[in-house]
Amino acid sequence: MCQQHQFQSIFRRGLVATDATLIVHALRDSGMTRLGISIPKKVGNAVVRNRWKRLIREAFRLNYAHIPSELVIVVRPRKGAQPELTTLAESLFRLTNKLSRRSLPDLID
């Protein structure tokens, strides 16, 4: 998991890829691919936000072997999107691969 200062660095310096479901921010880092999740209160109440978090974690777990290594990613839901596992898994896979093909800056702690 990411720490608060890493979230700020990723939002400030990272590259972004979006689609109708997710917004993914990413930086390159040595080591394993890590996931951070940011669910704003505008998405809904605690039950809805926790559902988003559970589904994003599961989509990440299902795609972990296929997601490019050495990435630090922060995932946010798109406004108006509905939390569905298959859609999230496809979106996360597509967006992380799109970001990995671009020249990502390194994460500096």
C-alpha atoms as a PDB file:
ATOM      1  CA  MET A   1       0.000   0.000   0.000  1.00  0.00           C
ATOM      2  CA  CYS A   2       1.043   3.579  -0.584  1.00  0.00           C
ATOM      3  CA  GLN A   3       1.716   6.147   2.114  1.00  0.00           C
ATOM      4  CA  GLN A   4       0.273   9.683   2.192  1.00  0.00           C
ATOM      5  CA  HIS A   5       3.412  11.431   0.899  1.00  0.00           C
ATOM      6  CA  GLN A   6       3.560   8.924  -1.964  1.00  0.00           C
ATOM      7  CA  PHE A   7      -0.063   9.690  -2.875  1.00  0.00           C
ATOM      8  CA  GLN A   8       0.784  13.383  -3.044  1.00  0.00           C
ATOM      9  CA  SER A   9       3.837  12.690  -5.208  1.00  0.00           C
ATOM     10  CA  ILE A  10       1.846  10.466  -7.562  1.00  0.00           C
ATOM     11  CA  PHE A  11      -0.941  13.020  -7.947  1.00  0.00           C
ATOM     12  CA  ARG A  12       1.568  15.836  -8.504  1.00  0.00           C
ATOM     13  CA  ARG A  13       4.099  14.152 -10.814  1.00  0.00           C
ATOM     14  CA  GLY A  14       2.479  10.998 -12.117  1.00  0.00           C
ATOM     15  CA  LEU A  15       0.913  10.389 -15.487  1.00  0.00           C
ATOM     16  CA  VAL A  16      -2.825   9.819 -15.813  1.00  0.00           C
ATOM     17  CA  ALA A  17      -4.950   7.498 -17.936  1.00  0.00           C
ATOM     18  CA  THR A  18      -8.742   7.501 -17.850  1.00  0.00           C
ATOM     19  CA  ASP A  19     -11.753   5.791 -19.320  1.00  0.00           C
ATOM     20  CA  ALA A  20     -15.475   5.766 -18.509  1.00  0.00           C
ATOM     21  CA  THR A  21     -14.937   3.779 -15.284  1.00  0.00           C
ATOM     22  CA  LEU A  22     -11.572   4.634 -13.686  1.00  0.00           C
ATOM     23  CA  ILE A  23      -8.891   7.286 -13.358  1.00  0.00           C
ATOM     24  CA  VAL A  24      -5.404   5.791 -12.868  1.00  0.00           C
ATOM     25  CA  HIS A  25      -2.346   7.817 -11.788  1.00  0.00           C
ATOM     26  CA  ALA A  26       1.056   6.116 -12.022  1.00  0.00           C
ATOM     27  CA  LEU A  27       4.773   6.492 -11.386  1.00  0.00           C
ATOM     28  CA  ARG A  28       7.607   4.029 -11.875  1.00  0.00           C
ATOM     29  CA  ASP A  29       9.302   2.503  -8.815  1.00  0.00           C
ATOM     30  CA  SER A  30      11.745  -0.324  -8.324  1.00  0.00           C
ATOM     31  CA  GLY A  31      10.217  -3.403  -6.806  1.00  0.00           C
ATOM     32  CA  MET A  32       6.718  -4.794  -6.889  1.00  0.00           C
ATOM     33  CA  THR A  33       3.703  -3.104  -8.387  1.00  0.00           C
ATOM     34  CA  ARG A  34       1.750  -1.370  -5.626  1.00  0.00           C
ATOM     35  CA  LEU A  35      -1.819  -0.141  -5.436  1.00  0.00           C
ATOM     36  CA  GLY A  36      -3.305   2.914  -3.783  1.00  0.00           C
ATOM     37  CA  ILE A  37      -7.016   3.662  -3.760  1.00  0.00           C
ATOM     38  CA  SER A  38      -8.613   7.086  -3.429  1.00  0.00           C
ATOM     39  CA  ILE A  39     -12.399   7.170  -3.080  1.00  0.00           C
ATOM     40  CA  PRO A  40     -13.818  10.665  -2.472  1.00  0.00           C
ATOM     41  CA  LYS A  41     -16.905  11.188  -0.321  1.00  0.00           C
ATOM     42  CA  LYS A  42     -18.775  12.488  -3.377  1.00  0.00           C
ATOM     43  CA  VAL A  43     -18.994   8.883  -4.603  1.00  0.00           C
ATOM     44  CA  GLY A  44     -21.453   8.002  -1.859  1.00  0.00           C
ATOM     45  CA  ASN A  45     -21.790   6.926   1.727  1.00  0.00           C
ATOM     46  CA  ALA A  46     -19.371   4.602   3.542  1.00  0.00           C
ATOM     47  CA  VAL A  47     -21.077   1.462   2.262  1.00  0.00           C
ATOM     48  CA  VAL A  48     -20.715   2.557  -1.370  1.00  0.00           C
ATOM     49  CA  ARG A  49     -17.109   3.714  -0.908  1.00  0.00           C
ATOM     50  CA  ASN A  50     -16.134   0.436   0.763  1.00  0.00           C
ATOM     51  CA  ARG A  51     -17.739  -1.530  -2.091  1.00  0.00           C
ATOM     52  CA  TRP A  52     -15.620   0.429  -4.567  1.00  0.00           C
ATOM     53  CA  LYS A  53     -12.488  -0.316  -2.539  1.00  0.00           C
ATOM     54  CA  ARG A  54     -13.239  -4.045  -2.301  1.00  0.00           C
ATOM     55  CA  LEU A  55     -13.913  -4.320  -6.031  1.00  0.00           C
ATOM     56  CA  ILE A  56     -10.813  -2.337  -7.031  1.00  0.00           C
ATOM     57  CA  ARG A  57      -8.633  -4.524  -4.776  1.00  0.00           C
ATOM     58  CA  GLU A  58     -10.165  -7.660  -6.290  1.00  0.00           C
ATOM     59  CA  ALA A  59      -9.665  -6.356  -9.851  1.00  0.00           C
ATOM     60  CA  PHE A  60      -6.026  -5.637  -8.962  1.00  0.00           C
ATOM     61  CA  ARG A  61      -5.613  -9.131  -7.474  1.00  0.00           C
ATOM     62  CA  LEU A  62      -7.112 -10.780 -10.568  1.00  0.00           C
ATOM     63  CA  ASN A  63      -4.882  -8.799 -12.946  1.00  0.00           C
ATOM     64  CA  TYR A  64      -1.694  -8.703 -10.853  1.00  0.00           C
ATOM     65  CA  ALA A  65       0.174 -11.192 -13.042  1.00  0.00           C
ATOM     66  CA  HIS A  66      -0.707  -9.217 -16.188  1.00  0.00           C
ATOM     67  CA  ILE A  67      -0.100  -5.693 -14.868  1.00  0.00           C
ATOM     68  CA  PRO A  68       3.365  -4.377 -15.768  1.00  0.00           C
ATOM     69  CA  SER A  69       5.817  -4.557 -12.878  1.00  0.00           C
ATOM     70  CA  GLU A  70       7.530  -1.695 -11.069  1.00  0.00           C
ATOM     71  CA  LEU A  71       4.511   0.622 -11.060  1.00  0.00           C
ATOM     72  CA  VAL A  72       2.965   2.539  -8.204  1.00  0.00           C
ATOM     73  CA  ILE A  73      -0.636   3.240  -9.153  1.00  0.00           C
ATOM     74  CA  VAL A  74      -3.451   5.165  -7.505  1.00  0.00           C
ATOM     75  CA  VAL A  75      -6.941   4.318  -8.716  1.00  0.00           C
ATOM     76  CA  ARG A  76     -10.034   6.528  -8.430  1.00  0.00           C
ATOM     77  CA  PRO A  77     -13.550   5.892  -9.723  1.00  0.00           C
ATOM     78  CA  ARG A  78     -14.912   8.106 -12.461  1.00  0.00           C
ATOM     79  CA  LYS A  79     -17.894  10.281 -11.556  1.00  0.00           C
ATOM     80  CA  GLY A  80     -21.131   8.465 -12.358  1.00  0.00           C
ATOM     81  CA  ALA A  81     -19.481   5.059 -12.914  1.00  0.00           C
ATOM     82  CA  GLN A  82     -21.057   1.942 -11.437  1.00  0.00           C
ATOM     83  CA  PRO A  83     -18.923  -0.545  -9.441  1.00  0.00           C
ATOM     84  CA  GLU A  84     -18.904  -3.835 -11.397  1.00  0.00           C
ATOM     85  CA  LEU A  85     -16.010  -6.271 -11.073  1.00  0.00           C
ATOM     86  CA  THR A  86     -15.681  -7.299 -14.731  1.00  0.00           C
ATOM     87  CA  THR A  87     -15.730  -3.692 -15.920  1.00  0.00           C
ATOM     88  CA  LEU A  88     -13.208  -2.633 -13.268  1.00  0.00           C
ATOM     89  CA  ALA A  89     -10.853  -5.531 -14.066  1.00  0.00           C
ATOM     90  CA  GLU A  90     -10.875  -4.783 -17.806  1.00  0.00           C
ATOM     91  CA  SER A  91     -10.459  -1.068 -17.236  1.00  0.00           C
ATOM     92  CA  LEU A  92      -7.576  -1.489 -14.763  1.00  0.00           C
ATOM     93  CA  PHE A  93      -5.746  -3.888 -17.099  1.00  0.00           C
ATOM     94  CA  ARG A  94      -6.161  -1.615 -20.124  1.00  0.00           C
ATOM     95  CA  LEU A  95      -5.177   1.606 -18.332  1.00  0.00           C
ATOM     96  CA  THR A  96      -2.098   0.199 -16.563  1.00  0.00           C
ATOM     97  CA  ASN A  97      -0.806  -1.237 -19.847  1.00  0.00           C
ATOM     98  CA  LYS A  98      -1.422   2.098 -21.528  1.00  0.00           C
ATOM     99  CA  LEU A  99       0.562   3.894 -18.810  1.00  0.00           C
ATOM    100  CA  SER A 100       3.423   1.394 -18.855  1.00  0.00           C
ATOM    101  CA  ARG A 101       4.060   2.105 -22.548  1.00  0.00           C
ATOM    102  CA  ARG A 102       4.614   5.779 -21.738  1.00  0.00           C
ATOM    103  CA  SER A 103       7.732   7.232 -20.159  1.00  0.00           C
ATOM    104  CA  LEU A 104       6.837   7.405 -16.468  1.00  0.00           C
ATOM    105  CA  PRO A 105       8.825   9.480 -13.976  1.00  0.00           C
ATOM    106  CA  ASP A 106      10.338   7.678 -10.977  1.00  0.00           C
ATOM    107  CA  LEU A 107       8.837   7.804  -7.512  1.00  0.00           C
ATOM    108  CA  ILE A 108      11.126   9.709  -5.149  1.00  0.00           C
ATOM    109  CA  ASP A 109      10.520   9.136  -1.416  1.00  0.00           C
END
